[in-house]
Amino acid sequence: MAKSDVTTVTTHWTELAKTISVPHSEAEYRRLVAFLDRLIDEVGEDEKHPLASLMEVVGVLIERYEDEQVPELTSEAEG
């Protein structure tokens, strides 16, 4: 990543991190799920939508939290 890329990300990250971050609590998790719901409403099935990759990243963050914090979801899916 070029230094200019880091500078650009740094400029915007403070604001973005209020919405997009690794959830460490139930409240953060719920906020992220609500954001994903809004992204799904906006992006739908359009893989070429400018926010499609963001939707995927948010989904991965949610999945990671669920895998670590809600093990019964994994158990039910396997059973």
Protein backbone atom coordinates (compact mmCIF):
# COMPACT_ATOMS: atom_id res chain seq x y z
CA MET A 1 0.00 0.00 0.00
CA ALA A 2 1.39 3.35 -0.98
CA LYS A 3 1.86 6.05 1.62
CA SER A 4 -0.84 8.13 -0.07
CA ASP A 5 -3.28 5.20 0.36
CA VAL A 6 -2.54 5.05 4.09
CA THR A 7 -3.02 8.81 4.33
CA THR A 8 -6.38 8.56 2.58
CA VAL A 9 -7.55 5.71 4.82
CA THR A 10 -6.32 7.51 7.93
CA THR A 11 -8.30 10.59 6.95
CA HIS A 12 -11.55 8.62 6.76
CA TRP A 13 -11.04 5.81 9.27
CA THR A 14 -11.97 7.76 12.41
CA GLU A 15 -15.45 8.32 11.05
CA LEU A 16 -15.78 4.87 9.46
CA ALA A 17 -14.66 3.05 12.61
CA LYS A 18 -17.79 4.28 14.38
CA THR A 19 -19.75 1.97 12.07
CA ILE A 20 -17.27 -0.67 10.88
CA SER A 21 -15.11 -2.38 13.48
CA VAL A 22 -14.51 -5.78 15.01
CA PRO A 23 -17.34 -6.28 17.51
CA HIS A 24 -16.23 -7.01 21.07
CA SER A 25 -19.61 -6.77 22.78
CA GLU A 26 -23.22 -7.68 22.15
CA ALA A 27 -24.06 -4.00 21.55
CA GLU A 28 -21.29 -3.63 18.95
CA TYR A 29 -22.41 -6.87 17.32
CA ARG A 30 -26.03 -5.70 17.12
CA ARG A 31 -24.95 -2.35 15.68
CA LEU A 32 -22.93 -4.15 13.01
CA VAL A 33 -25.85 -6.48 12.16
CA ALA A 34 -28.15 -3.46 11.77
CA PHE A 35 -25.58 -1.86 9.46
CA LEU A 36 -25.37 -5.06 7.41
CA ASP A 37 -29.15 -5.06 7.08
CA ARG A 38 -29.01 -1.53 5.67
CA LEU A 39 -26.22 -2.56 3.28
CA ILE A 40 -28.26 -5.54 2.09
CA ASP A 41 -31.21 -3.22 1.44
CA GLU A 42 -28.93 -0.94 -0.60
CA VAL A 43 -26.78 -3.51 -2.44
CA GLY A 44 -29.19 -6.40 -2.83
CA GLU A 45 -27.76 -9.05 -5.17
CA ASP A 46 -25.71 -6.55 -7.22
CA GLU A 47 -22.15 -7.90 -7.00
CA LYS A 48 -20.91 -4.88 -8.97
CA HIS A 49 -22.39 -2.37 -6.52
CA PRO A 50 -19.69 -0.10 -5.04
CA LEU A 51 -20.60 -1.28 -1.52
CA ALA A 52 -20.72 -5.02 -2.31
CA SER A 53 -17.22 -5.70 -0.95
CA LEU A 54 -18.00 -3.69 2.18
CA MET A 55 -21.08 -5.83 2.69
CA GLU A 56 -18.86 -8.92 2.46
CA VAL A 57 -16.35 -7.54 4.98
CA VAL A 58 -19.10 -6.67 7.46
CA GLY A 59 -20.54 -10.16 7.02
CA VAL A 60 -17.15 -11.70 7.84
CA LEU A 61 -16.85 -9.56 11.00
CA ILE A 62 -20.32 -10.70 12.10
CA GLU A 63 -19.57 -14.33 11.33
CA ARG A 64 -16.33 -14.18 13.31
CA TYR A 65 -18.13 -12.75 16.34
CA GLU A 66 -20.83 -15.40 16.13
CA ASP A 67 -18.24 -18.19 15.84
CA GLU A 68 -16.40 -16.92 18.91
CA GLN A 69 -19.27 -15.69 21.08
CA VAL A 70 -22.31 -17.73 20.11
CA PRO A 71 -21.13 -21.35 19.81
CA GLU A 72 -24.66 -22.78 19.98
CA LEU A 73 -25.32 -21.41 16.48
CA THR A 74 -22.51 -23.61 15.18
CA SER A 75 -23.78 -26.64 17.16
CA GLU A 76 -27.33 -26.27 15.82
CA ALA A 77 -26.10 -25.97 12.23
CA GLU A 78 -24.03 -29.14 12.53
CA GLY A 79 -26.78 -31.18 14.24
